[in-house]
Structure formats: structure tokens, C-alpha cells
Amino acid sequence: MIARWLMILLFPILLAAGCTTGGQEENTMETISGRVIYLERIALPPGAIVTVELRDVSIADAAAKTLASTRFEAEGGPPYPFELSFDAGAIDERHTYALKATISLGDRLLFITDTHHPAFTGGTHELRVRSVGGSVGESIGEPTGEQTAVPASTLSGGDWLLVSLGDERVAPLSDGSRPYLHFATAGRAYGFGGCNRFTGRWR
């Protein structure tokens, strides 16, 4: 009789314990590490901020979705080491993911990555950023006659990606990147045509 009552009392306790154990959430957070570098022999101004983002770049002709980001103040010269935490449970194996790095001062963009950096290649990542040129708002080129200077903020500060040519849509390359054109200050432009890089002057 005593054993029967003990079983009646213990059953709900064991059931509750089993529900508690099964309800625990699995920690799916992981970390990507690496460093951000640039080759220009210049020093960053005080207060410059390094930002690294993990982005889903799977959908063509659409803005990349940022899954995680980290930002910190640049101290000293490059390289600038980083660690980026992300939720591995949000990663879809069918999608393409890339890392993007920028260095900015306030609202002014100073450096940016201009090539595709796959996020999940294993090991430590090295993200090379390139200077976008002079300060935002600086005049570009040397206008003559009736031409007027174009503010740098109109075209500079990022890459112009090729998404269509005439009436034909242009698909991303096999690595997920696209041909692009970048307008820098002092009338200089550079980019990537899908096979070779190019540089020149514009007005």
C-alpha cells in the first residue's frame, strides 16, 4: 500500500522534471574571427570606427540582409582584429554569405571592402579595405566651360553594381560578386568588369 502511494506521488514529479529538461534551448551562437587591413600608408584620424558585417547575399538584385555586425574604434595602425558572433541556427546552407568591412569617421566613409569575401571558409579571415578618396562633399574633377563640379556625396561612398545592361538583367558571378564601378575623388574611377579590373579618370 505504501509503495503504491509513493508511485502516485513520484509520477507527477518525474513528469515535471522531464518537461523542464526538454524545454531548455540549445545555444547556437558561433564566432567568426579575422582582421581588417588596408595597404595605403596613411594614419586614421582619432575616433575612426571599424565595422564588420555578416551578410546574406543570396538574392540577386536585392539589398543584402545583415545577420550580425560588430563595430569598434580603430586603435593604432592596421591590422585591426575582430570577432563577430552570429546565430548559427539562422544560417541556411542553400544561401550565400559574405563579410563586409568598413572604416568610417562619423557619417564619412573612409574605407570599404570592394571584393567578395565568403564568410564560411574556415580559419581566420583577412578583409582588405580600400580608401574611398577624399572627404565627402569634395568637388570631383576639374570642370571647364559651363560644366559644374559634382559633389562627391552624389556618386562616391560605395560601389555601383551592374544589375542590368540595356534591357537584359545581369546575374551575379559564380562567387556571388558583381561587376562594379567606384567613383573616387579627384576624377579617378576604378572597378571590376567580371574578369579584369580597370581604372581611369572621369568627369
N, C-alpha and C. Protein backbone atom coordinates (compact mmCIF):
# COMPACT_ATOMS: atom_id res chain seq x y z
N MET A 1 0.84 -1.20 0.00
CA MET A 1 0.00 0.00 0.00
C MET A 1 0.87 1.25 0.00
N ILE A 2 1.92 1.26 0.82
CA ILE A 2 2.83 2.41 0.89
C ILE A 2 3.53 2.59 -0.45
N ALA A 3 3.97 1.50 -1.04
CA ALA A 3 4.66 1.57 -2.33
C ALA A 3 3.74 2.14 -3.39
N ARG A 4 2.45 1.81 -3.35
CA ARG A 4 1.50 2.33 -4.34
C ARG A 4 1.36 3.83 -4.22
N TRP A 5 1.28 4.36 -2.99
CA TRP A 5 1.15 5.81 -2.79
C TRP A 5 2.43 6.53 -3.21
N LEU A 6 3.59 5.91 -2.96
CA LEU A 6 4.84 6.52 -3.39
C LEU A 6 4.90 6.66 -4.91
N MET A 7 4.42 5.64 -5.63
CA MET A 7 4.41 5.71 -7.09
C MET A 7 3.49 6.81 -7.57
N ILE A 8 2.34 6.98 -6.93
CA ILE A 8 1.40 8.04 -7.31
C ILE A 8 2.02 9.41 -7.11
N LEU A 9 2.79 9.59 -6.01
CA LEU A 9 3.41 10.88 -5.71
C LEU A 9 4.60 11.14 -6.62
N LEU A 10 5.38 10.13 -6.93
CA LEU A 10 6.59 10.31 -7.71
C LEU A 10 6.30 10.55 -9.19
N PHE A 11 5.21 10.01 -9.74
CA PHE A 11 4.94 10.11 -11.16
C PHE A 11 4.82 11.56 -11.63
N PRO A 12 4.02 12.43 -10.97
CA PRO A 12 3.95 13.82 -11.44
C PRO A 12 5.27 14.56 -11.29
N ILE A 13 6.06 14.21 -10.24
CA ILE A 13 7.35 14.86 -10.05
C ILE A 13 8.29 14.53 -11.20
N LEU A 14 8.36 13.23 -11.57
CA LEU A 14 9.22 12.81 -12.68
C LEU A 14 8.75 13.42 -13.99
N LEU A 15 7.44 13.52 -14.19
CA LEU A 15 6.90 14.09 -15.41
C LEU A 15 7.28 15.56 -15.53
N ALA A 16 7.17 16.29 -14.43
CA ALA A 16 7.53 17.71 -14.42
C ALA A 16 9.01 17.89 -14.69
N ALA A 17 9.84 17.02 -14.10
CA ALA A 17 11.29 17.11 -14.32
C ALA A 17 11.63 16.87 -15.77
N GLY A 18 10.93 15.91 -16.39
CA GLY A 18 11.18 15.62 -17.80
C GLY A 18 10.80 16.79 -18.68
N CYS A 19 9.72 17.48 -18.38
CA CYS A 19 9.30 18.64 -19.17
C CYS A 19 10.30 19.77 -19.04
N THR A 20 10.85 19.96 -17.84
CA THR A 20 11.82 21.03 -17.63
C THR A 20 13.08 20.78 -18.43
N THR A 21 13.56 19.54 -18.43
CA THR A 21 14.78 19.22 -19.16
C THR A 21 14.59 19.39 -20.66
N GLY A 22 13.43 18.96 -21.18
CA GLY A 22 13.19 19.05 -22.61
C GLY A 22 12.99 20.47 -23.09
N GLY A 23 12.70 21.42 -22.21
CA GLY A 23 12.40 22.80 -22.61
C GLY A 23 13.63 23.68 -22.72
N GLN A 24 14.79 23.19 -22.39
CA GLN A 24 16.00 24.00 -22.47
C GLN A 24 16.36 24.28 -23.91
N GLU A 25 16.72 25.56 -24.22
CA GLU A 25 17.08 25.94 -25.57
C GLU A 25 18.57 25.71 -25.82
N GLU A 26 18.87 25.22 -27.00
CA GLU A 26 20.26 24.94 -27.36
C GLU A 26 20.96 26.23 -27.77
N ASN A 27 22.16 26.43 -27.29
CA ASN A 27 22.95 27.61 -27.64
C ASN A 27 23.57 27.41 -29.02
N THR A 28 23.16 28.22 -29.99
CA THR A 28 23.64 28.07 -31.36
C THR A 28 24.56 29.22 -31.78
N MET A 29 25.04 30.00 -30.83
CA MET A 29 25.91 31.12 -31.16
C MET A 29 27.31 30.63 -31.50
N GLU A 30 27.87 31.16 -32.60
CA GLU A 30 29.22 30.85 -33.02
C GLU A 30 29.96 32.14 -33.34
N THR A 31 31.26 32.03 -33.62
CA THR A 31 32.10 33.22 -33.80
C THR A 31 32.93 33.12 -35.07
N ILE A 32 33.00 34.23 -35.80
CA ILE A 32 33.90 34.38 -36.94
C ILE A 32 34.98 35.37 -36.53
N SER A 33 36.23 35.04 -36.76
CA SER A 33 37.32 35.94 -36.37
C SER A 33 38.18 36.26 -37.58
N GLY A 34 38.90 37.35 -37.48
CA GLY A 34 39.79 37.76 -38.56
C GLY A 34 40.40 39.12 -38.28
N ARG A 35 40.80 39.80 -39.34
CA ARG A 35 41.38 41.12 -39.20
C ARG A 35 41.07 41.96 -40.42
N VAL A 36 40.99 43.26 -40.20
CA VAL A 36 40.73 44.23 -41.27
C VAL A 36 42.03 44.97 -41.55
N ILE A 37 42.42 45.06 -42.84
CA ILE A 37 43.68 45.71 -43.19
C ILE A 37 43.47 46.65 -44.36
N TYR A 38 44.38 47.60 -44.51
CA TYR A 38 44.47 48.40 -45.74
C TYR A 38 45.95 48.63 -46.01
N LEU A 39 46.28 48.84 -47.30
CA LEU A 39 47.68 48.94 -47.70
C LEU A 39 48.16 50.38 -47.85
N GLU A 40 47.23 51.34 -47.89
CA GLU A 40 47.64 52.74 -48.00
C GLU A 40 48.46 53.16 -46.79
N ARG A 41 49.49 53.92 -47.04
CA ARG A 41 50.37 54.35 -45.95
C ARG A 41 49.85 55.66 -45.37
N ILE A 42 48.72 55.58 -44.71
CA ILE A 42 48.12 56.74 -44.07
C ILE A 42 47.62 56.34 -42.70
N ALA A 43 47.53 57.30 -41.82
CA ALA A 43 47.05 57.05 -40.46
C ALA A 43 45.58 57.46 -40.36
N LEU A 44 44.82 56.69 -39.63
CA LEU A 44 43.41 57.02 -39.42
C LEU A 44 43.27 58.16 -38.43
N PRO A 45 42.28 59.02 -38.63
CA PRO A 45 42.04 60.10 -37.66
C PRO A 45 41.49 59.52 -36.36
N PRO A 46 41.67 60.20 -35.24
CA PRO A 46 41.11 59.72 -33.97
C PRO A 46 39.59 59.57 -34.07
N GLY A 47 39.08 58.51 -33.47
CA GLY A 47 37.64 58.27 -33.48
C GLY A 47 37.14 57.46 -34.65
N ALA A 48 38.03 56.99 -35.53
CA ALA A 48 37.61 56.17 -36.68
C ALA A 48 37.04 54.84 -36.17
N ILE A 49 35.96 54.40 -36.78
CA ILE A 49 35.26 53.19 -36.35
C ILE A 49 35.34 52.11 -37.43
N VAL A 50 35.72 50.89 -37.00
CA VAL A 50 35.74 49.72 -37.88
C VAL A 50 34.44 48.95 -37.68
N THR A 51 33.77 48.62 -38.78
CA THR A 51 32.53 47.84 -38.73
C THR A 51 32.68 46.61 -39.61
N VAL A 52 32.32 45.44 -39.08
CA VAL A 52 32.34 44.19 -39.84
C VAL A 52 30.94 43.60 -39.78
N GLU A 53 30.42 43.19 -40.94
CA GLU A 53 29.07 42.65 -41.03
C GLU A 53 29.07 41.27 -41.68
N LEU A 54 28.20 40.40 -41.19
CA LEU A 54 27.90 39.13 -41.83
C LEU A 54 26.61 39.33 -42.61
N ARG A 55 26.65 39.11 -43.94
CA ARG A 55 25.51 39.45 -44.79
C ARG A 55 25.09 38.27 -45.65
N ASP A 56 23.78 38.16 -45.84
CA ASP A 56 23.21 37.18 -46.75
C ASP A 56 23.11 37.85 -48.12
N VAL A 57 23.92 37.37 -49.08
CA VAL A 57 23.97 37.98 -50.41
C VAL A 57 23.38 37.04 -51.46
N SER A 58 22.44 36.21 -51.06
CA SER A 58 21.92 35.17 -51.95
C SER A 58 20.99 35.72 -53.03
N ILE A 59 20.21 36.73 -52.69
CA ILE A 59 19.18 37.20 -53.62
C ILE A 59 19.75 38.24 -54.55
N ALA A 60 19.72 37.95 -55.84
CA ALA A 60 20.23 38.90 -56.83
C ALA A 60 19.30 40.10 -56.93
N ASP A 61 19.91 41.25 -57.24
CA ASP A 61 19.16 42.49 -57.46
C ASP A 61 18.40 42.93 -56.21
N ALA A 62 18.85 42.52 -55.05
CA ALA A 62 18.20 42.94 -53.80
C ALA A 62 19.27 43.29 -52.79
N ALA A 63 18.91 44.17 -51.87
CA ALA A 63 19.86 44.57 -50.85
C ALA A 63 20.21 43.38 -49.96
N ALA A 64 21.50 43.27 -49.62
CA ALA A 64 21.94 42.17 -48.76
C ALA A 64 21.34 42.33 -47.36
N LYS A 65 21.03 41.20 -46.74
CA LYS A 65 20.47 41.20 -45.40
C LYS A 65 21.60 41.01 -44.39
N THR A 66 21.70 41.91 -43.42
CA THR A 66 22.73 41.81 -42.39
C THR A 66 22.25 40.92 -41.25
N LEU A 67 22.99 39.83 -40.98
CA LEU A 67 22.62 38.91 -39.92
C LEU A 67 23.30 39.25 -38.60
N ALA A 68 24.51 39.80 -38.66
CA ALA A 68 25.24 40.15 -37.44
C ALA A 68 26.27 41.21 -37.79
N SER A 69 26.66 42.00 -36.80
CA SER A 69 27.66 43.03 -37.03
C SER A 69 28.40 43.33 -35.73
N THR A 70 29.60 43.85 -35.88
CA THR A 70 30.37 44.31 -34.74
C THR A 70 31.08 45.58 -35.14
N ARG A 71 31.26 46.50 -34.22
CA ARG A 71 31.95 47.75 -34.51
C ARG A 71 32.81 48.13 -33.31
N PHE A 72 33.96 48.72 -33.62
CA PHE A 72 34.88 49.11 -32.56
C PHE A 72 35.77 50.23 -33.07
N GLU A 73 36.36 50.95 -32.15
CA GLU A 73 37.23 52.07 -32.53
C GLU A 73 38.59 51.54 -32.96
N ALA A 74 39.08 52.06 -34.08
CA ALA A 74 40.40 51.65 -34.59
C ALA A 74 41.49 52.28 -33.73
N GLU A 75 42.35 51.47 -33.19
CA GLU A 75 43.45 51.96 -32.36
C GLU A 75 44.77 51.60 -33.02
N GLY A 76 45.61 52.61 -33.23
CA GLY A 76 46.89 52.38 -33.88
C GLY A 76 46.71 52.12 -35.37
N GLY A 77 47.67 51.43 -35.96
CA GLY A 77 47.60 51.12 -37.38
C GLY A 77 47.07 49.73 -37.63
N PRO A 78 46.76 49.41 -38.91
CA PRO A 78 46.28 48.07 -39.23
C PRO A 78 47.37 47.03 -39.04
N PRO A 79 46.98 45.75 -38.86
CA PRO A 79 45.62 45.21 -38.98
C PRO A 79 44.80 45.43 -37.71
N TYR A 80 43.45 45.35 -37.88
CA TYR A 80 42.52 45.51 -36.78
C TYR A 80 41.79 44.18 -36.57
N PRO A 81 42.12 43.42 -35.53
CA PRO A 81 41.48 42.13 -35.30
C PRO A 81 40.02 42.30 -34.89
N PHE A 82 39.19 41.33 -35.26
CA PHE A 82 37.77 41.38 -34.91
C PHE A 82 37.26 39.98 -34.60
N GLU A 83 36.19 39.94 -33.83
CA GLU A 83 35.43 38.72 -33.58
C GLU A 83 33.95 39.06 -33.75
N LEU A 84 33.26 38.27 -34.55
CA LEU A 84 31.86 38.53 -34.88
C LEU A 84 31.02 37.34 -34.46
N SER A 85 30.12 37.56 -33.51
CA SER A 85 29.24 36.49 -33.04
C SER A 85 27.96 36.47 -33.87
N PHE A 86 27.49 35.26 -34.21
CA PHE A 86 26.27 35.13 -35.02
C PHE A 86 25.52 33.88 -34.58
N ASP A 87 24.24 33.83 -34.93
CA ASP A 87 23.40 32.69 -34.60
C ASP A 87 23.49 31.67 -35.72
N ALA A 88 24.17 30.57 -35.46
CA ALA A 88 24.34 29.53 -36.47
C ALA A 88 23.00 28.91 -36.87
N GLY A 89 22.03 28.98 -35.97
CA GLY A 89 20.71 28.43 -36.28
C GLY A 89 19.98 29.20 -37.36
N ALA A 90 20.43 30.45 -37.63
CA ALA A 90 19.79 31.28 -38.66
C ALA A 90 20.43 31.10 -40.03
N ILE A 91 21.48 30.27 -40.12
CA ILE A 91 22.20 30.08 -41.38
C ILE A 91 21.52 29.00 -42.21
N ASP A 92 21.25 29.32 -43.46
CA ASP A 92 20.66 28.39 -44.42
C ASP A 92 21.76 27.92 -45.37
N GLU A 93 22.01 26.62 -45.41
CA GLU A 93 23.10 26.08 -46.23
C GLU A 93 22.91 26.35 -47.71
N ARG A 94 21.69 26.65 -48.12
CA ARG A 94 21.42 26.92 -49.53
C ARG A 94 21.75 28.37 -49.91
N HIS A 95 22.02 29.21 -48.92
CA HIS A 95 22.26 30.62 -49.18
C HIS A 95 23.76 30.92 -49.26
N THR A 96 24.07 32.12 -49.73
CA THR A 96 25.45 32.58 -49.84
C THR A 96 25.67 33.71 -48.84
N TYR A 97 26.75 33.61 -48.07
CA TYR A 97 27.03 34.60 -47.04
C TYR A 97 28.42 35.21 -47.26
N ALA A 98 28.53 36.49 -46.96
CA ALA A 98 29.78 37.20 -47.18
C ALA A 98 30.04 38.15 -46.01
N LEU A 99 31.30 38.54 -45.88
CA LEU A 99 31.70 39.51 -44.87
C LEU A 99 31.99 40.86 -45.54
N LYS A 100 31.55 41.91 -44.91
CA LYS A 100 31.81 43.26 -45.40
C LYS A 100 32.43 44.07 -44.28
N ALA A 101 33.45 44.88 -44.60
CA ALA A 101 34.12 45.71 -43.60
C ALA A 101 34.17 47.16 -44.10
N THR A 102 33.99 48.07 -43.19
CA THR A 102 34.13 49.49 -43.49
C THR A 102 34.87 50.18 -42.35
N ILE A 103 35.48 51.31 -42.67
CA ILE A 103 36.06 52.18 -41.66
C ILE A 103 35.48 53.57 -41.91
N SER A 104 34.92 54.17 -40.89
CA SER A 104 34.25 55.46 -41.06
C SER A 104 34.61 56.39 -39.91
N LEU A 105 34.35 57.66 -40.16
CA LEU A 105 34.54 58.69 -39.15
C LEU A 105 33.26 59.51 -39.12
N GLY A 106 32.44 59.28 -38.10
CA GLY A 106 31.13 59.92 -38.08
C GLY A 106 30.29 59.40 -39.24
N ASP A 107 29.76 60.32 -40.05
CA ASP A 107 28.98 59.94 -41.22
C ASP A 107 29.84 59.79 -42.47
N ARG A 108 31.14 59.95 -42.36
CA ARG A 108 32.02 59.92 -43.52
C ARG A 108 32.67 58.55 -43.67
N LEU A 109 32.47 57.93 -44.83
CA LEU A 109 33.07 56.64 -45.12
C LEU A 109 34.50 56.84 -45.58
N LEU A 110 35.44 56.13 -44.96
CA LEU A 110 36.86 56.26 -45.29
C LEU A 110 37.37 55.07 -46.11
N PHE A 111 37.01 53.85 -45.69
CA PHE A 111 37.47 52.63 -46.35
C PHE A 111 36.30 51.66 -46.46
N ILE A 112 36.37 50.78 -47.49
CA ILE A 112 35.33 49.78 -47.66
C ILE A 112 35.90 48.59 -48.42
N THR A 113 35.40 47.39 -48.16
CA THR A 113 35.77 46.22 -48.95
C THR A 113 35.14 46.36 -50.33
N ASP A 114 35.89 45.98 -51.37
CA ASP A 114 35.36 46.09 -52.73
C ASP A 114 35.42 44.76 -53.47
N THR A 115 35.62 43.68 -52.74
CA THR A 115 35.59 42.34 -53.32
C THR A 115 34.74 41.43 -52.44
N HIS A 116 34.35 40.29 -53.00
CA HIS A 116 33.51 39.34 -52.28
C HIS A 116 34.36 38.51 -51.33
N HIS A 117 33.96 38.47 -50.04
CA HIS A 117 34.68 37.68 -49.03
C HIS A 117 33.72 36.62 -48.47
N PRO A 118 33.80 35.37 -48.92
CA PRO A 118 32.93 34.32 -48.38
C PRO A 118 33.09 34.21 -46.86
N ALA A 119 31.97 34.02 -46.18
CA ALA A 119 32.01 34.05 -44.71
C ALA A 119 32.45 32.73 -44.10
N PHE A 120 32.11 31.61 -44.71
CA PHE A 120 32.33 30.32 -44.06
C PHE A 120 33.35 29.50 -44.84
N THR A 121 34.59 29.95 -44.80
CA THR A 121 35.68 29.24 -45.47
C THR A 121 36.60 28.56 -44.47
N GLY A 122 36.35 28.78 -43.18
CA GLY A 122 37.20 28.20 -42.16
C GLY A 122 38.44 29.05 -41.94
N GLY A 123 39.02 28.96 -40.76
CA GLY A 123 40.23 29.72 -40.46
C GLY A 123 39.94 31.19 -40.17
N THR A 124 41.00 31.97 -40.19
CA THR A 124 40.92 33.40 -39.89
C THR A 124 40.75 34.20 -41.18
N HIS A 125 39.85 35.15 -41.16
CA HIS A 125 39.56 35.96 -42.35
C HIS A 125 40.44 37.21 -42.36
N GLU A 126 40.86 37.59 -43.55
CA GLU A 126 41.59 38.85 -43.74
C GLU A 126 40.79 39.70 -44.72
N LEU A 127 40.19 40.76 -44.21
CA LEU A 127 39.34 41.63 -45.01
C LEU A 127 40.13 42.87 -45.40
N ARG A 128 40.44 42.99 -46.68
CA ARG A 128 41.17 44.16 -47.16
C ARG A 128 40.20 45.25 -47.58
N VAL A 129 40.37 46.44 -47.04
CA VAL A 129 39.52 47.57 -47.39
C VAL A 129 40.34 48.58 -48.20
N ARG A 130 39.64 49.30 -49.07
CA ARG A 130 40.29 50.31 -49.91
C ARG A 130 39.74 51.68 -49.58
N SER A 131 40.60 52.68 -49.73
CA SER A 131 40.20 54.06 -49.46
C SER A 131 39.18 54.53 -50.50
N VAL A 132 38.19 55.27 -50.04
CA VAL A 132 37.20 55.82 -50.98
C VAL A 132 37.63 57.20 -51.46
N GLY A 133 38.78 57.70 -51.06
CA GLY A 133 39.26 59.00 -51.52
C GLY A 133 39.05 60.08 -50.47
N GLY A 134 39.00 61.32 -50.92
CA GLY A 134 38.93 62.48 -50.02
C GLY A 134 37.64 62.55 -49.24
N SER A 135 37.38 63.68 -48.66
CA SER A 135 36.24 63.85 -47.78
C SER A 135 34.95 63.93 -48.59
N VAL A 136 33.85 63.51 -47.97
CA VAL A 136 32.54 63.58 -48.61
C VAL A 136 32.18 65.04 -48.82
N GLY A 137 31.70 65.35 -50.00
CA GLY A 137 31.33 66.72 -50.30
C GLY A 137 32.39 67.46 -51.08
N GLU A 138 33.56 66.87 -51.25
CA GLU A 138 34.63 67.49 -52.02
C GLU A 138 34.27 67.47 -53.49
N SER A 139 34.63 68.52 -54.23
CA SER A 139 34.34 68.56 -55.66
C SER A 139 35.18 67.54 -56.40
N ILE A 140 34.59 66.99 -57.47
CA ILE A 140 35.27 65.97 -58.26
C ILE A 140 35.63 66.55 -59.62
N GLY A 141 36.84 66.27 -60.08
CA GLY A 141 37.23 66.67 -61.42
C GLY A 141 37.59 68.14 -61.52
N GLU A 142 37.83 68.56 -62.73
CA GLU A 142 38.19 69.94 -62.99
C GLU A 142 37.22 70.49 -64.03
N PRO A 143 36.06 71.04 -63.59
CA PRO A 143 35.05 71.49 -64.53
C PRO A 143 35.55 72.63 -65.39
N THR A 144 35.14 72.65 -66.65
CA THR A 144 35.51 73.72 -67.56
C THR A 144 34.27 74.20 -68.29
N GLY A 145 34.32 75.41 -68.84
CA GLY A 145 33.19 75.95 -69.57
C GLY A 145 31.97 76.07 -68.69
N GLU A 146 30.84 75.50 -69.17
CA GLU A 146 29.58 75.58 -68.44
C GLU A 146 29.39 74.41 -67.48
N GLN A 147 30.36 73.49 -67.45
CA GLN A 147 30.24 72.35 -66.54
C GLN A 147 30.41 72.82 -65.11
N THR A 148 29.79 72.12 -64.19
CA THR A 148 29.89 72.45 -62.77
C THR A 148 30.41 71.26 -62.00
N ALA A 149 31.01 71.53 -60.85
CA ALA A 149 31.54 70.46 -60.02
C ALA A 149 30.41 69.60 -59.48
N VAL A 150 30.68 68.31 -59.35
CA VAL A 150 29.70 67.37 -58.81
C VAL A 150 30.10 67.01 -57.38
N PRO A 151 29.22 67.17 -56.38
CA PRO A 151 29.57 66.80 -55.01
C PRO A 151 29.94 65.32 -54.93
N ALA A 152 30.98 65.01 -54.17
CA ALA A 152 31.41 63.62 -54.05
C ALA A 152 30.31 62.75 -53.46
N SER A 153 29.47 63.34 -52.61
CA SER A 153 28.42 62.56 -51.97
C SER A 153 27.38 62.07 -52.97
N THR A 154 27.35 62.66 -54.18
CA THR A 154 26.37 62.25 -55.18
C THR A 154 26.65 60.85 -55.71
N LEU A 155 27.92 60.54 -55.93
CA LEU A 155 28.29 59.27 -56.54
C LEU A 155 29.20 58.42 -55.67
N SER A 156 30.04 59.02 -54.85
CA SER A 156 31.02 58.25 -54.10
C SER A 156 30.42 57.72 -52.81
N GLY A 157 31.24 56.96 -52.09
CA GLY A 157 30.81 56.40 -50.81
C GLY A 157 30.38 54.96 -50.91
N GLY A 158 30.44 54.36 -52.12
CA GLY A 158 30.05 52.97 -52.28
C GLY A 158 30.29 52.52 -53.70
N ASP A 159 30.04 51.25 -53.96
CA ASP A 159 30.23 50.68 -55.29
C ASP A 159 28.90 50.66 -56.04
N TRP A 160 28.93 51.00 -57.31
CA TRP A 160 27.77 50.89 -58.18
C TRP A 160 27.84 49.53 -58.87
N LEU A 161 26.87 48.66 -58.57
CA LEU A 161 26.88 47.28 -59.06
C LEU A 161 26.12 47.17 -60.37
N LEU A 162 26.62 46.35 -61.29
CA LEU A 162 25.96 46.12 -62.56
C LEU A 162 24.85 45.08 -62.38
N VAL A 163 23.60 45.51 -62.48
CA VAL A 163 22.46 44.61 -62.33
C VAL A 163 21.70 44.44 -63.64
N SER A 164 21.88 45.37 -64.59
CA SER A 164 21.25 45.23 -65.89
C SER A 164 22.09 45.94 -66.94
N LEU A 165 22.01 45.45 -68.16
CA LEU A 165 22.74 46.03 -69.29
C LEU A 165 21.74 46.19 -70.41
N GLY A 166 21.32 47.43 -70.67
CA GLY A 166 20.21 47.65 -71.59
C GLY A 166 18.94 47.11 -70.97
N ASP A 167 18.27 46.22 -71.68
CA ASP A 167 17.04 45.59 -71.16
C ASP A 167 17.31 44.21 -70.57
N GLU A 168 18.58 43.83 -70.50
CA GLU A 168 18.91 42.47 -70.03
C GLU A 168 19.41 42.50 -68.60
N ARG A 169 18.84 41.65 -67.76
CA ARG A 169 19.28 41.52 -66.38
C ARG A 169 20.61 40.79 -66.34
N VAL A 170 21.51 41.20 -65.46
CA VAL A 170 22.83 40.59 -65.32
C VAL A 170 22.89 39.81 -64.02
N ALA A 171 23.14 38.52 -64.10
CA ALA A 171 23.20 37.66 -62.91
C ALA A 171 24.53 37.83 -62.21
N PRO A 172 24.59 37.57 -60.91
CA PRO A 172 25.87 37.62 -60.18
C PRO A 172 26.86 36.60 -60.73
N LEU A 173 28.13 36.80 -60.46
CA LEU A 173 29.15 35.84 -60.86
C LEU A 173 29.06 34.59 -60.00
N SER A 174 29.84 33.58 -60.33
CA SER A 174 29.77 32.29 -59.63
C SER A 174 30.08 32.41 -58.14
N ASP A 175 30.90 33.42 -57.76
CA ASP A 175 31.23 33.59 -56.34
C ASP A 175 30.28 34.54 -55.63
N GLY A 176 29.22 34.98 -56.31
CA GLY A 176 28.24 35.85 -55.70
C GLY A 176 28.51 37.34 -55.89
N SER A 177 29.69 37.70 -56.41
CA SER A 177 30.02 39.11 -56.61
C SER A 177 29.46 39.60 -57.93
N ARG A 178 29.56 40.92 -58.16
CA ARG A 178 29.07 41.53 -59.39
C ARG A 178 30.13 42.49 -59.94
N PRO A 179 30.12 42.72 -61.25
CA PRO A 179 30.93 43.81 -61.78
C PRO A 179 30.49 45.12 -61.13
N TYR A 180 31.45 46.01 -60.89
CA TYR A 180 31.10 47.25 -60.19
C TYR A 180 31.95 48.40 -60.71
N LEU A 181 31.49 49.62 -60.40
CA LEU A 181 32.21 50.84 -60.72
C LEU A 181 32.23 51.72 -59.47
N HIS A 182 33.40 52.22 -59.14
CA HIS A 182 33.56 53.05 -57.95
C HIS A 182 34.11 54.42 -58.37
N PHE A 183 33.37 55.48 -58.01
CA PHE A 183 33.80 56.85 -58.29
C PHE A 183 34.56 57.38 -57.08
N ALA A 184 35.83 57.67 -57.27
CA ALA A 184 36.63 58.26 -56.20
C ALA A 184 36.77 59.75 -56.46
N THR A 185 37.42 60.44 -55.53
CA THR A 185 37.61 61.87 -55.69
C THR A 185 38.74 62.15 -56.66
N ALA A 186 38.93 63.42 -57.01
CA ALA A 186 39.97 63.87 -57.93
C ALA A 186 39.78 63.28 -59.33
N GLY A 187 38.51 62.96 -59.69
CA GLY A 187 38.22 62.48 -61.03
C GLY A 187 38.71 61.09 -61.32
N ARG A 188 39.00 60.29 -60.32
CA ARG A 188 39.51 58.94 -60.53
C ARG A 188 38.39 57.93 -60.33
N ALA A 189 38.38 56.88 -61.15
CA ALA A 189 37.39 55.82 -61.03
C ALA A 189 38.09 54.48 -61.21
N TYR A 190 37.55 53.45 -60.58
CA TYR A 190 38.09 52.10 -60.75
C TYR A 190 36.95 51.10 -60.56
N GLY A 191 37.20 49.87 -60.98
CA GLY A 191 36.16 48.87 -60.83
C GLY A 191 36.60 47.51 -61.31
N PHE A 192 35.61 46.64 -61.52
CA PHE A 192 35.84 45.25 -61.90
C PHE A 192 34.80 44.89 -62.95
N GLY A 193 35.24 44.38 -64.09
CA GLY A 193 34.34 44.10 -65.19
C GLY A 193 33.84 42.67 -65.26
N GLY A 194 34.18 41.85 -64.29
CA GLY A 194 33.76 40.45 -64.31
C GLY A 194 34.90 39.51 -64.59
N CYS A 195 35.99 40.03 -65.20
CA CYS A 195 37.17 39.24 -65.48
C CYS A 195 38.42 40.03 -65.08
N ASN A 196 38.48 41.28 -65.50
CA ASN A 196 39.63 42.14 -65.20
C ASN A 196 39.21 43.38 -64.44
N ARG A 197 40.18 43.92 -63.71
CA ARG A 197 39.97 45.20 -63.05
C ARG A 197 40.33 46.33 -64.01
N PHE A 198 39.76 47.50 -63.78
CA PHE A 198 40.07 48.64 -64.62
C PHE A 198 40.16 49.90 -63.76
N THR A 199 40.83 50.90 -64.27
CA THR A 199 40.95 52.20 -63.58
C THR A 199 41.05 53.28 -64.64
N GLY A 200 40.67 54.48 -64.29
CA GLY A 200 40.73 55.58 -65.23
C GLY A 200 40.25 56.87 -64.58
N ARG A 201 40.02 57.88 -65.43
CA ARG A 201 39.54 59.17 -64.93
C ARG A 201 38.17 59.45 -65.52
N TRP A 202 37.37 60.25 -64.80
CA TRP A 202 36.05 60.57 -65.27
C TRP A 202 35.73 62.03 -64.98
N ARG A 203 34.77 62.57 -65.71
CA ARG A 203 34.33 63.95 -65.48
C ARG A 203 32.84 64.03 -65.77
